[in-house]
N, C-alpha and C. Protein backbone atom coordinates (compact mmCIF):
# COMPACT_ATOMS: atom_id res chain seq x y z
N UNK A 1 0.83 -1.19 0.00
CA UNK A 1 0.00 0.00 0.00
C UNK A 1 0.87 1.25 0.00
N UNK A 2 0.30 2.37 -0.43
CA UNK A 2 1.06 3.61 -0.51
C UNK A 2 1.25 4.19 0.88
N UNK A 3 2.52 4.42 1.27
CA UNK A 3 2.78 4.95 2.61
C UNK A 3 3.84 6.04 2.63
N UNK A 4 4.34 6.48 1.49
CA UNK A 4 5.50 7.38 1.50
C UNK A 4 5.15 8.78 2.02
N UNK A 5 4.00 9.32 1.70
CA UNK A 5 3.57 10.65 2.13
C UNK A 5 4.65 11.70 1.93
N UNK A 6 4.80 12.16 0.70
CA UNK A 6 5.81 13.17 0.41
C UNK A 6 5.17 14.33 -0.33
N UNK A 7 5.73 15.52 -0.12
CA UNK A 7 5.31 16.68 -0.89
C UNK A 7 6.49 17.20 -1.70
N UNK A 8 7.63 17.56 -1.08
CA UNK A 8 8.76 18.03 -1.88
C UNK A 8 9.55 16.88 -2.47
N UNK A 9 10.52 17.22 -3.31
CA UNK A 9 11.45 16.22 -3.82
C UNK A 9 10.90 15.43 -4.99
N UNK A 10 11.62 14.37 -5.36
CA UNK A 10 11.27 13.60 -6.55
C UNK A 10 10.62 12.27 -6.21
N UNK A 11 10.26 12.04 -4.95
CA UNK A 11 9.58 10.81 -4.59
C UNK A 11 8.12 10.88 -5.03
N UNK A 12 7.46 9.74 -5.24
CA UNK A 12 6.09 9.75 -5.74
C UNK A 12 5.10 10.23 -4.70
N UNK A 13 3.99 10.82 -5.16
CA UNK A 13 2.91 11.17 -4.26
C UNK A 13 2.25 9.90 -3.77
N UNK A 14 1.41 10.02 -2.76
CA UNK A 14 0.67 8.86 -2.28
C UNK A 14 -0.21 8.28 -3.37
N UNK A 15 -0.83 9.16 -4.15
CA UNK A 15 -1.69 8.68 -5.24
C UNK A 15 -0.86 7.92 -6.28
N UNK A 16 0.31 8.47 -6.64
CA UNK A 16 1.15 7.80 -7.64
C UNK A 16 1.71 6.49 -7.08
N UNK A 17 1.99 6.44 -5.79
CA UNK A 17 2.46 5.19 -5.20
C UNK A 17 1.38 4.11 -5.30
N UNK A 18 0.12 4.52 -5.14
CA UNK A 18 -0.98 3.58 -5.29
C UNK A 18 -1.06 3.07 -6.72
N UNK A 19 -0.88 3.97 -7.68
CA UNK A 19 -0.92 3.60 -9.10
C UNK A 19 0.18 2.61 -9.43
N UNK A 20 1.37 2.80 -8.85
CA UNK A 20 2.52 1.97 -9.19
C UNK A 20 2.40 0.52 -8.70
N UNK A 21 1.34 0.26 -7.97
CA UNK A 21 1.08 -1.13 -7.60
C UNK A 21 0.67 -1.93 -8.82
N UNK A 22 0.24 -1.26 -9.86
CA UNK A 22 -0.12 -1.92 -11.11
C UNK A 22 1.05 -1.79 -12.09
N UNK A 23 1.05 -2.56 -13.14
CA UNK A 23 2.17 -2.53 -14.08
C UNK A 23 1.69 -2.30 -15.50
N UNK A 24 2.61 -1.80 -16.34
CA UNK A 24 2.37 -1.67 -17.76
C UNK A 24 1.11 -0.88 -18.08
N UNK A 25 0.30 -1.44 -19.01
CA UNK A 25 -0.89 -0.75 -19.48
C UNK A 25 -1.93 -0.58 -18.37
N UNK A 26 -1.83 -1.38 -17.32
CA UNK A 26 -2.78 -1.28 -16.23
C UNK A 26 -2.60 0.00 -15.43
N UNK A 27 -1.42 0.64 -15.56
CA UNK A 27 -1.18 1.84 -14.76
C UNK A 27 -2.10 2.99 -15.13
N UNK A 28 -2.40 3.17 -16.41
CA UNK A 28 -3.28 4.27 -16.80
C UNK A 28 -4.68 4.06 -16.24
N UNK A 29 -5.16 2.82 -16.28
CA UNK A 29 -6.46 2.51 -15.68
C UNK A 29 -6.40 2.71 -14.18
N UNK A 30 -5.29 2.31 -13.57
CA UNK A 30 -5.13 2.49 -12.13
C UNK A 30 -5.12 3.97 -11.76
N UNK A 31 -4.44 4.78 -12.56
CA UNK A 31 -4.38 6.22 -12.29
C UNK A 31 -5.78 6.82 -12.32
N UNK A 32 -6.58 6.38 -13.30
CA UNK A 32 -7.96 6.86 -13.40
C UNK A 32 -8.78 6.42 -12.19
N UNK A 33 -8.60 5.16 -11.77
CA UNK A 33 -9.34 4.64 -10.62
C UNK A 33 -8.98 5.40 -9.35
N UNK A 34 -7.68 5.60 -9.13
CA UNK A 34 -7.23 6.29 -7.92
C UNK A 34 -7.78 7.70 -7.86
N UNK A 35 -7.72 8.42 -8.99
CA UNK A 35 -8.23 9.78 -9.00
C UNK A 35 -9.74 9.80 -8.79
N UNK A 36 -10.44 8.83 -9.37
CA UNK A 36 -11.89 8.75 -9.18
C UNK A 36 -12.23 8.53 -7.71
N UNK A 37 -11.47 7.67 -7.03
CA UNK A 37 -11.70 7.42 -5.61
C UNK A 37 -11.41 8.67 -4.79
N UNK A 38 -10.33 9.38 -5.13
CA UNK A 38 -9.99 10.59 -4.39
C UNK A 38 -11.04 11.68 -4.62
N UNK A 39 -11.48 11.84 -5.88
CA UNK A 39 -12.50 12.85 -6.18
C UNK A 39 -13.81 12.53 -5.47
N UNK A 40 -14.19 11.26 -5.49
CA UNK A 40 -15.43 10.86 -4.83
C UNK A 40 -15.33 11.06 -3.32
N UNK A 41 -14.19 10.68 -2.74
CA UNK A 41 -14.00 10.85 -1.31
C UNK A 41 -14.08 12.31 -0.90
N UNK A 42 -13.42 13.18 -1.66
CA UNK A 42 -13.44 14.60 -1.35
C UNK A 42 -14.85 15.17 -1.47
N UNK A 43 -15.55 14.82 -2.55
CA UNK A 43 -16.90 15.33 -2.75
C UNK A 43 -17.83 14.92 -1.62
N UNK A 44 -17.71 13.66 -1.17
CA UNK A 44 -18.57 13.18 -0.09
C UNK A 44 -18.22 13.83 1.24
N UNK A 45 -16.92 14.10 1.47
CA UNK A 45 -16.52 14.78 2.70
C UNK A 45 -17.11 16.19 2.77
N UNK A 46 -17.26 16.82 1.61
CA UNK A 46 -17.75 18.20 1.57
C UNK A 46 -19.27 18.27 1.48
N UNK A 47 -19.92 17.13 1.19
CA UNK A 47 -21.37 17.11 1.05
C UNK A 47 -22.06 17.36 2.39
N UNK A 48 -23.21 18.01 2.34
CA UNK A 48 -24.01 18.26 3.55
C UNK A 48 -23.22 18.98 4.63
N UNK A 49 -22.32 19.86 4.19
CA UNK A 49 -21.56 20.64 5.16
C UNK A 49 -20.61 19.82 5.99
N UNK A 50 -20.25 18.61 5.51
CA UNK A 50 -19.31 17.76 6.23
C UNK A 50 -19.88 17.14 7.49
N UNK A 51 -21.21 17.08 7.58
CA UNK A 51 -21.82 16.55 8.82
C UNK A 51 -21.74 15.03 8.93
N UNK A 52 -21.54 14.33 7.81
CA UNK A 52 -21.50 12.88 7.86
C UNK A 52 -20.22 12.37 7.20
N UNK A 53 -19.43 11.62 7.94
CA UNK A 53 -18.20 11.06 7.39
C UNK A 53 -18.55 9.92 6.43
N UNK A 54 -18.07 9.97 5.20
CA UNK A 54 -18.41 8.91 4.25
C UNK A 54 -17.73 7.59 4.61
N UNK A 55 -18.42 6.50 4.29
CA UNK A 55 -17.84 5.16 4.47
C UNK A 55 -17.15 4.74 3.18
N UNK A 56 -16.30 3.74 3.26
CA UNK A 56 -15.67 3.21 2.05
C UNK A 56 -16.73 2.81 1.04
N UNK A 57 -17.82 2.19 1.52
CA UNK A 57 -18.90 1.78 0.62
C UNK A 57 -19.49 2.96 -0.12
N UNK A 58 -19.64 4.11 0.56
CA UNK A 58 -20.16 5.31 -0.09
C UNK A 58 -19.20 5.79 -1.16
N UNK A 59 -17.91 5.75 -0.84
CA UNK A 59 -16.89 6.28 -1.76
C UNK A 59 -16.80 5.44 -3.03
N UNK A 60 -16.76 4.12 -2.87
CA UNK A 60 -16.64 3.26 -4.06
C UNK A 60 -17.90 3.35 -4.92
N UNK A 61 -19.07 3.50 -4.28
CA UNK A 61 -20.30 3.64 -5.05
C UNK A 61 -20.29 4.94 -5.86
N UNK A 62 -19.85 6.04 -5.22
CA UNK A 62 -19.80 7.33 -5.92
C UNK A 62 -18.78 7.31 -7.04
N UNK A 63 -17.70 6.54 -6.86
CA UNK A 63 -16.65 6.47 -7.89
C UNK A 63 -17.00 5.47 -8.99
N UNK A 64 -18.05 4.66 -8.79
CA UNK A 64 -18.41 3.65 -9.77
C UNK A 64 -17.45 2.48 -9.79
N UNK A 65 -16.84 2.20 -8.63
CA UNK A 65 -15.87 1.11 -8.54
C UNK A 65 -16.33 0.10 -7.49
N UNK A 66 -15.48 -0.87 -7.20
CA UNK A 66 -15.82 -1.91 -6.24
C UNK A 66 -14.94 -1.81 -5.01
N UNK A 67 -15.35 -2.52 -3.94
CA UNK A 67 -14.51 -2.59 -2.75
C UNK A 67 -13.15 -3.18 -3.07
N UNK A 68 -13.12 -4.20 -3.94
CA UNK A 68 -11.84 -4.80 -4.32
C UNK A 68 -10.92 -3.77 -4.96
N UNK A 69 -11.49 -2.92 -5.80
CA UNK A 69 -10.69 -1.87 -6.45
C UNK A 69 -10.12 -0.92 -5.40
N UNK A 70 -10.96 -0.54 -4.44
CA UNK A 70 -10.50 0.40 -3.40
C UNK A 70 -9.30 -0.18 -2.65
N UNK A 71 -9.45 -1.42 -2.17
CA UNK A 71 -8.39 -2.00 -1.33
C UNK A 71 -7.19 -2.47 -2.15
N UNK A 72 -7.30 -2.44 -3.46
CA UNK A 72 -6.14 -2.69 -4.31
C UNK A 72 -5.15 -1.52 -4.20
N UNK A 73 -5.69 -0.34 -3.94
CA UNK A 73 -4.86 0.86 -3.93
C UNK A 73 -4.63 1.45 -2.54
N UNK A 74 -5.59 1.28 -1.64
CA UNK A 74 -5.51 1.92 -0.33
C UNK A 74 -5.77 0.91 0.78
N UNK A 75 -5.02 1.03 1.88
CA UNK A 75 -5.19 0.12 3.01
C UNK A 75 -6.51 0.34 3.72
N UNK A 76 -7.05 1.52 3.62
CA UNK A 76 -8.31 1.85 4.28
C UNK A 76 -8.66 3.29 4.01
N UNK A 77 -9.76 3.76 4.60
CA UNK A 77 -10.19 5.13 4.34
C UNK A 77 -9.15 6.14 4.81
N UNK A 78 -8.45 5.84 5.91
CA UNK A 78 -7.43 6.76 6.40
C UNK A 78 -6.35 7.02 5.37
N UNK A 79 -5.95 5.96 4.64
CA UNK A 79 -4.92 6.12 3.61
C UNK A 79 -5.43 6.97 2.45
N UNK A 80 -6.71 6.80 2.10
CA UNK A 80 -7.30 7.63 1.05
C UNK A 80 -7.35 9.09 1.48
N UNK A 81 -7.79 9.33 2.71
CA UNK A 81 -7.87 10.70 3.21
C UNK A 81 -6.49 11.35 3.22
N UNK A 82 -5.47 10.60 3.61
CA UNK A 82 -4.12 11.16 3.63
C UNK A 82 -3.68 11.56 2.22
N UNK A 83 -4.02 10.73 1.23
CA UNK A 83 -3.68 11.06 -0.16
C UNK A 83 -4.41 12.33 -0.60
N UNK A 84 -5.67 12.49 -0.16
CA UNK A 84 -6.43 13.69 -0.50
C UNK A 84 -5.82 14.92 0.16
N UNK A 85 -5.43 14.78 1.44
CA UNK A 85 -4.80 15.90 2.14
C UNK A 85 -3.48 16.27 1.48
N UNK A 86 -2.70 15.26 1.09
CA UNK A 86 -1.43 15.53 0.43
C UNK A 86 -1.65 16.25 -0.90
N UNK A 87 -2.66 15.82 -1.65
CA UNK A 87 -2.96 16.48 -2.92
C UNK A 87 -3.30 17.95 -2.69
N UNK A 88 -4.08 18.22 -1.63
CA UNK A 88 -4.40 19.60 -1.31
C UNK A 88 -3.17 20.40 -0.92
N UNK A 89 -2.27 19.77 -0.15
CA UNK A 89 -1.04 20.45 0.25
C UNK A 89 -0.17 20.78 -0.95
N UNK A 90 -0.13 19.89 -1.92
CA UNK A 90 0.64 20.16 -3.13
C UNK A 90 0.04 21.33 -3.91
N UNK A 91 -1.28 21.43 -3.88
CA UNK A 91 -1.93 22.58 -4.53
C UNK A 91 -1.54 23.87 -3.84
N UNK A 92 -1.48 23.84 -2.50
CA UNK A 92 -1.04 25.02 -1.75
C UNK A 92 0.38 25.40 -2.14
N UNK A 93 1.28 24.42 -2.21
CA UNK A 93 2.67 24.68 -2.55
C UNK A 93 2.77 25.30 -3.95
N UNK A 94 2.01 24.78 -4.89
CA UNK A 94 2.02 25.33 -6.26
C UNK A 94 1.54 26.77 -6.26
N UNK A 95 0.51 27.06 -5.46
CA UNK A 95 -0.01 28.43 -5.39
C UNK A 95 1.01 29.37 -4.75
N UNK A 96 1.66 28.91 -3.69
CA UNK A 96 2.70 29.73 -3.05
C UNK A 96 3.83 30.02 -4.02
N UNK A 97 4.26 28.99 -4.76
CA UNK A 97 5.33 29.16 -5.73
C UNK A 97 4.94 30.20 -6.79
N UNK A 98 3.71 30.12 -7.27
CA UNK A 98 3.22 31.06 -8.28
C UNK A 98 3.22 32.49 -7.73
N UNK A 99 2.71 32.67 -6.50
CA UNK A 99 2.65 34.01 -5.92
C UNK A 99 4.04 34.59 -5.68
N UNK A 100 4.96 33.76 -5.23
CA UNK A 100 6.31 34.25 -4.99
C UNK A 100 7.00 34.61 -6.30
N UNK A 101 6.78 33.82 -7.34
CA UNK A 101 7.40 34.10 -8.64
C UNK A 101 6.92 35.42 -9.22
N UNK A 102 5.69 35.80 -8.88
CA UNK A 102 5.12 37.04 -9.43
C UNK A 102 5.54 38.27 -8.64
N UNK A 103 6.17 38.07 -7.48
CA UNK A 103 6.59 39.20 -6.64
C UNK A 103 7.93 39.75 -7.11
N UNK A 104 8.32 40.88 -6.55
CA UNK A 104 9.53 41.56 -7.00
C UNK A 104 10.78 41.15 -6.27
N UNK A 105 11.20 41.98 -5.29
CA UNK A 105 12.46 41.71 -4.59
C UNK A 105 12.28 40.59 -3.57
N UNK A 106 13.39 40.13 -2.96
CA UNK A 106 13.31 38.99 -2.04
C UNK A 106 12.33 39.19 -0.88
N UNK A 107 12.31 40.40 -0.29
CA UNK A 107 11.39 40.64 0.82
C UNK A 107 9.95 40.55 0.35
N UNK A 108 9.67 41.08 -0.84
CA UNK A 108 8.32 40.98 -1.39
C UNK A 108 7.93 39.53 -1.64
N UNK A 109 8.89 38.72 -2.07
CA UNK A 109 8.60 37.30 -2.31
C UNK A 109 8.27 36.59 -1.01
N UNK A 110 9.00 36.93 0.06
CA UNK A 110 8.71 36.32 1.37
C UNK A 110 7.30 36.71 1.80
N UNK A 111 6.95 37.99 1.68
CA UNK A 111 5.61 38.44 2.07
C UNK A 111 4.54 37.76 1.22
N UNK A 112 4.80 37.64 -0.08
CA UNK A 112 3.83 37.01 -0.97
C UNK A 112 3.62 35.55 -0.61
N UNK A 113 4.71 34.87 -0.24
CA UNK A 113 4.60 33.46 0.15
C UNK A 113 3.79 33.30 1.42
N UNK A 114 4.04 34.15 2.40
CA UNK A 114 3.29 34.09 3.66
C UNK A 114 1.81 34.33 3.39
N UNK A 115 1.50 35.37 2.62
CA UNK A 115 0.11 35.68 2.31
C UNK A 115 -0.59 34.53 1.60
N UNK A 116 0.15 33.86 0.71
CA UNK A 116 -0.44 32.75 -0.04
C UNK A 116 -0.79 31.58 0.88
N UNK A 117 0.10 31.29 1.85
CA UNK A 117 -0.22 30.22 2.80
C UNK A 117 -1.41 30.61 3.66
N UNK A 118 -1.40 31.83 4.16
CA UNK A 118 -2.46 32.26 5.06
C UNK A 118 -3.81 32.35 4.37
N UNK A 119 -3.82 32.43 3.05
CA UNK A 119 -5.08 32.47 2.31
C UNK A 119 -5.90 31.21 2.58
N UNK A 120 -5.24 30.11 2.90
CA UNK A 120 -5.97 28.87 3.19
C UNK A 120 -6.90 29.04 4.39
N UNK A 121 -6.57 29.99 5.27
CA UNK A 121 -7.43 30.25 6.42
C UNK A 121 -8.26 31.52 6.24
N UNK A 122 -7.76 32.49 5.48
CA UNK A 122 -8.48 33.75 5.32
C UNK A 122 -9.61 33.66 4.31
N UNK A 123 -9.50 32.75 3.33
CA UNK A 123 -10.57 32.52 2.37
C UNK A 123 -11.58 31.58 3.02
N UNK A 124 -12.79 32.07 3.29
CA UNK A 124 -13.77 31.29 4.06
C UNK A 124 -14.13 29.98 3.37
N UNK A 125 -14.22 29.99 2.05
CA UNK A 125 -14.56 28.77 1.33
C UNK A 125 -13.48 27.73 1.44
N UNK A 126 -12.23 28.14 1.21
CA UNK A 126 -11.10 27.22 1.33
C UNK A 126 -10.98 26.68 2.76
N UNK A 127 -11.13 27.56 3.73
CA UNK A 127 -10.99 27.16 5.13
C UNK A 127 -12.05 26.13 5.51
N UNK A 128 -13.29 26.36 5.08
CA UNK A 128 -14.36 25.42 5.42
C UNK A 128 -14.09 24.05 4.81
N UNK A 129 -13.65 24.03 3.55
CA UNK A 129 -13.35 22.76 2.90
C UNK A 129 -12.22 22.03 3.60
N UNK A 130 -11.17 22.78 3.97
CA UNK A 130 -10.02 22.16 4.62
C UNK A 130 -10.42 21.56 5.96
N UNK A 131 -11.24 22.29 6.73
CA UNK A 131 -11.68 21.76 8.02
C UNK A 131 -12.49 20.47 7.86
N UNK A 132 -13.34 20.41 6.83
CA UNK A 132 -14.14 19.21 6.60
C UNK A 132 -13.26 18.02 6.26
N UNK A 133 -12.23 18.24 5.44
CA UNK A 133 -11.32 17.15 5.08
C UNK A 133 -10.53 16.70 6.30
N UNK A 134 -10.01 17.66 7.08
CA UNK A 134 -9.21 17.30 8.24
C UNK A 134 -10.04 16.57 9.29
N UNK A 135 -11.34 16.85 9.33
CA UNK A 135 -12.21 16.15 10.27
C UNK A 135 -12.28 14.66 9.97
N UNK A 136 -11.97 14.29 8.73
CA UNK A 136 -11.97 12.88 8.33
C UNK A 136 -10.59 12.25 8.42
N UNK A 137 -9.60 13.01 8.89
CA UNK A 137 -8.21 12.56 8.79
C UNK A 137 -7.70 11.84 10.04
N UNK A 138 -8.58 11.50 10.96
CA UNK A 138 -8.11 10.90 12.20
C UNK A 138 -7.55 9.50 12.00
N UNK A 139 -7.86 8.85 10.87
CA UNK A 139 -7.37 7.48 10.64
C UNK A 139 -6.15 7.39 9.78
N UNK A 140 -5.38 8.49 9.66
CA UNK A 140 -4.17 8.43 8.84
C UNK A 140 -3.21 7.36 9.34
N UNK A 141 -2.57 6.62 8.45
CA UNK A 141 -1.64 5.58 8.87
C UNK A 141 -0.50 6.14 9.70
N UNK A 142 -0.23 5.52 10.85
CA UNK A 142 0.82 6.04 11.74
C UNK A 142 2.21 5.89 11.14
N UNK A 143 2.35 4.99 10.14
CA UNK A 143 3.66 4.79 9.54
C UNK A 143 4.03 5.88 8.53
N UNK A 144 3.07 6.72 8.18
CA UNK A 144 3.33 7.76 7.19
C UNK A 144 3.85 9.03 7.86
N UNK A 145 4.66 9.78 7.13
CA UNK A 145 5.05 11.11 7.59
C UNK A 145 3.83 11.99 7.51
N UNK A 146 3.57 12.76 8.57
CA UNK A 146 2.39 13.60 8.56
C UNK A 146 2.51 14.63 7.43
N UNK A 147 1.39 14.86 6.76
CA UNK A 147 1.42 15.75 5.60
C UNK A 147 1.88 17.15 5.98
N UNK A 148 1.56 17.63 7.18
CA UNK A 148 2.00 18.97 7.55
C UNK A 148 3.51 19.08 7.62
N UNK A 149 4.20 17.99 7.97
CA UNK A 149 5.66 18.00 7.98
C UNK A 149 6.17 18.15 6.55
N UNK A 150 5.56 17.44 5.61
CA UNK A 150 5.94 17.58 4.22
C UNK A 150 5.67 18.98 3.70
N UNK A 151 4.58 19.60 4.18
CA UNK A 151 4.27 20.96 3.76
C UNK A 151 5.34 21.92 4.25
N UNK A 152 5.78 21.77 5.50
CA UNK A 152 6.86 22.62 6.01
C UNK A 152 8.14 22.40 5.20
N UNK A 153 8.44 21.15 4.85
CA UNK A 153 9.63 20.87 4.04
C UNK A 153 9.56 21.60 2.70
N UNK A 154 8.39 21.52 2.05
CA UNK A 154 8.23 22.14 0.73
C UNK A 154 8.33 23.65 0.82
N UNK A 155 7.70 24.25 1.83
CA UNK A 155 7.77 25.70 1.99
C UNK A 155 9.18 26.15 2.33
N UNK A 156 9.90 25.33 3.09
CA UNK A 156 11.29 25.65 3.40
C UNK A 156 12.10 25.80 2.12
N UNK A 157 11.90 24.86 1.19
CA UNK A 157 12.61 24.94 -0.09
C UNK A 157 12.25 26.23 -0.84
N UNK A 158 10.97 26.62 -0.79
CA UNK A 158 10.54 27.82 -1.51
C UNK A 158 11.09 29.10 -0.87
N UNK A 159 11.06 29.17 0.45
CA UNK A 159 11.48 30.39 1.13
C UNK A 159 13.00 30.55 1.19
N UNK A 160 13.73 29.45 1.20
CA UNK A 160 15.17 29.52 1.46
C UNK A 160 15.92 30.41 0.47
N UNK A 161 15.57 30.32 -0.81
CA UNK A 161 16.28 31.11 -1.80
C UNK A 161 16.10 32.60 -1.59
N UNK A 162 14.87 33.04 -1.34
CA UNK A 162 14.61 34.46 -1.13
C UNK A 162 15.25 34.94 0.16
N UNK A 163 15.20 34.10 1.21
CA UNK A 163 15.82 34.48 2.47
C UNK A 163 17.33 34.59 2.32
N UNK A 164 17.92 33.71 1.52
CA UNK A 164 19.37 33.79 1.26
C UNK A 164 19.71 35.12 0.60
N UNK A 165 18.84 35.57 -0.31
CA UNK A 165 19.08 36.85 -1.00
C UNK A 165 18.98 38.03 -0.05
N UNK A 166 18.35 37.83 1.12
CA UNK A 166 18.28 38.89 2.12
C UNK A 166 19.57 38.97 2.94
N UNK A 167 20.53 38.06 2.65
CA UNK A 167 21.82 38.10 3.32
C UNK A 167 21.92 37.26 4.57
N UNK A 168 21.03 36.26 4.70
CA UNK A 168 21.03 35.41 5.89
C UNK A 168 22.15 34.38 5.80
N UNK A 169 22.88 34.19 6.90
CA UNK A 169 24.00 33.26 6.91
C UNK A 169 23.54 31.80 6.82
N UNK A 170 22.42 31.48 7.44
CA UNK A 170 21.90 30.10 7.45
C UNK A 170 20.45 30.13 6.95
N UNK A 171 20.27 30.37 5.65
CA UNK A 171 18.92 30.59 5.12
C UNK A 171 17.99 29.39 5.29
N UNK A 172 18.52 28.17 5.21
CA UNK A 172 17.63 27.01 5.33
C UNK A 172 17.03 26.91 6.73
N UNK A 173 17.85 27.18 7.75
CA UNK A 173 17.34 27.09 9.11
C UNK A 173 16.29 28.17 9.35
N UNK A 174 16.56 29.38 8.90
CA UNK A 174 15.60 30.47 9.06
C UNK A 174 14.33 30.18 8.25
N UNK A 175 14.51 29.65 7.04
CA UNK A 175 13.35 29.32 6.21
C UNK A 175 12.48 28.25 6.87
N UNK A 176 13.12 27.28 7.53
CA UNK A 176 12.34 26.24 8.20
C UNK A 176 11.57 26.80 9.39
N UNK A 177 12.23 27.69 10.15
CA UNK A 177 11.54 28.33 11.28
C UNK A 177 10.34 29.13 10.78
N UNK A 178 10.56 29.89 9.71
CA UNK A 178 9.48 30.68 9.13
C UNK A 178 8.35 29.78 8.64
N UNK A 179 8.69 28.72 7.93
CA UNK A 179 7.68 27.82 7.37
C UNK A 179 6.85 27.18 8.46
N UNK A 180 7.52 26.71 9.51
CA UNK A 180 6.79 26.08 10.62
C UNK A 180 5.87 27.09 11.30
N UNK A 181 6.34 28.34 11.44
CA UNK A 181 5.52 29.37 12.08
C UNK A 181 4.29 29.69 11.23
N UNK A 182 4.50 29.84 9.93
CA UNK A 182 3.39 30.19 9.04
C UNK A 182 2.35 29.07 9.02
N UNK A 183 2.81 27.82 8.88
CA UNK A 183 1.88 26.70 8.88
C UNK A 183 1.16 26.60 10.22
N UNK A 184 1.88 26.83 11.33
CA UNK A 184 1.26 26.77 12.64
C UNK A 184 0.18 27.82 12.82
N UNK A 185 0.45 29.04 12.41
CA UNK A 185 -0.54 30.12 12.52
C UNK A 185 -1.75 29.82 11.62
N UNK A 186 -1.48 29.36 10.41
CA UNK A 186 -2.57 29.02 9.50
C UNK A 186 -3.46 27.92 10.08
N UNK A 187 -2.84 26.87 10.63
CA UNK A 187 -3.61 25.77 11.21
C UNK A 187 -4.38 26.22 12.45
N UNK A 188 -3.79 27.10 13.24
CA UNK A 188 -4.48 27.62 14.42
C UNK A 188 -5.77 28.32 14.02
N UNK A 189 -5.70 29.14 12.98
CA UNK A 189 -6.91 29.81 12.50
C UNK A 189 -7.92 28.81 11.96
N UNK A 190 -7.43 27.78 11.26
CA UNK A 190 -8.34 26.77 10.75
C UNK A 190 -9.08 26.07 11.88
N UNK A 191 -8.34 25.62 12.89
CA UNK A 191 -8.94 24.87 13.98
C UNK A 191 -9.88 25.73 14.82
N UNK A 192 -9.59 27.03 14.90
CA UNK A 192 -10.45 27.93 15.65
C UNK A 192 -11.60 28.47 14.80
N UNK A 193 -11.60 28.14 13.51
CA UNK A 193 -12.61 28.66 12.58
C UNK A 193 -12.60 30.19 12.57
N UNK A 194 -11.39 30.75 12.65
CA UNK A 194 -11.23 32.20 12.57
C UNK A 194 -10.45 32.53 11.31
N UNK A 195 -10.50 33.79 10.91
CA UNK A 195 -9.82 34.21 9.69
C UNK A 195 -8.78 35.27 10.00
N UNK A 196 -7.53 35.09 9.57
CA UNK A 196 -6.53 36.14 9.77
C UNK A 196 -6.87 37.35 8.93
N UNK A 197 -6.70 38.55 9.51
CA UNK A 197 -6.93 39.76 8.73
C UNK A 197 -5.61 40.27 8.18
N UNK A 198 -5.66 41.39 7.49
CA UNK A 198 -4.45 41.91 6.84
C UNK A 198 -3.35 42.21 7.86
N UNK A 199 -3.74 42.68 9.04
CA UNK A 199 -2.73 43.00 10.05
C UNK A 199 -2.07 41.73 10.60
N UNK A 200 -2.84 40.65 10.72
CA UNK A 200 -2.25 39.38 11.15
C UNK A 200 -1.16 38.95 10.18
N UNK A 201 -1.47 39.05 8.89
CA UNK A 201 -0.51 38.63 7.86
C UNK A 201 0.69 39.56 7.85
N UNK A 202 0.44 40.87 7.98
CA UNK A 202 1.54 41.85 7.98
C UNK A 202 2.45 41.63 9.19
N UNK A 203 1.84 41.31 10.35
CA UNK A 203 2.64 41.09 11.56
C UNK A 203 3.53 39.86 11.40
N UNK A 204 2.99 38.81 10.79
CA UNK A 204 3.78 37.61 10.57
C UNK A 204 4.92 37.89 9.59
N UNK A 205 4.63 38.70 8.58
CA UNK A 205 5.68 39.07 7.62
C UNK A 205 6.78 39.88 8.30
N UNK A 206 6.39 40.82 9.16
CA UNK A 206 7.40 41.62 9.87
C UNK A 206 8.25 40.73 10.76
N UNK A 207 7.61 39.77 11.42
CA UNK A 207 8.36 38.83 12.26
C UNK A 207 9.37 38.06 11.41
N UNK A 208 8.94 37.58 10.26
CA UNK A 208 9.81 36.80 9.40
C UNK A 208 11.01 37.61 8.94
N UNK A 209 10.76 38.84 8.51
CA UNK A 209 11.84 39.68 8.00
C UNK A 209 12.77 40.13 9.13
N UNK A 210 12.20 40.36 10.32
CA UNK A 210 13.06 40.71 11.46
C UNK A 210 13.93 39.52 11.83
N UNK A 211 13.36 38.31 11.75
CA UNK A 211 14.14 37.09 12.02
C UNK A 211 15.26 36.96 11.00
N UNK A 212 14.95 37.26 9.75
CA UNK A 212 15.99 37.18 8.73
C UNK A 212 17.10 38.18 8.99
N UNK A 213 16.71 39.41 9.39
CA UNK A 213 17.69 40.44 9.65
C UNK A 213 18.59 40.09 10.83
N UNK A 214 17.99 39.43 11.83
CA UNK A 214 18.78 39.08 13.01
C UNK A 214 19.79 37.98 12.71
N UNK A 215 19.60 37.27 11.62
CA UNK A 215 20.55 36.20 11.24
C UNK A 215 21.50 36.64 10.13
N UNK A 216 21.38 37.90 9.70
CA UNK A 216 22.22 38.34 8.58
C UNK A 216 23.58 38.78 9.07
């Protein structure tokens, strides 16, 4: 079963690891099946305001597949949910990368990256969806690296270059501290069902840049 749980680097995603259980021409069919299961699982988690956790039987029925197909790719619903959470985290990373690339100088890129992460909590629609998915995530396999750790790793890679351009002697360490802080603040708002305002984001950016300056 797929257990790698990775976001950065060249290792396969959880979904791709599930696909690789099949060989040759079967992989394309497997890729379609895995995505159908993930799409169905996500849709059911968001249905009815997330008031009812979907069962595996509900998910396979919505995907038009069988129980055998489900367990060919995933050890259980927790493994499917983890793959869905990882897919969402990768979307966040792609969005952060896009926002940082569109910014100007290194400090602006750091601010843009922070704002992009915090949008997951400040956008009410995104925040509600994320909370519903996380409510289903209690059964994640204990052998997997938690997706939030992978998210911090990926953000560290994104922030490190811009922080280095600010003249920091140990940019990776500062980038990791910043990434962990940003993810922590974002998750705190998600769990509290609160939304960061512009001043919250600006304060976090000032903290990050002051931290960078203190290490320069």
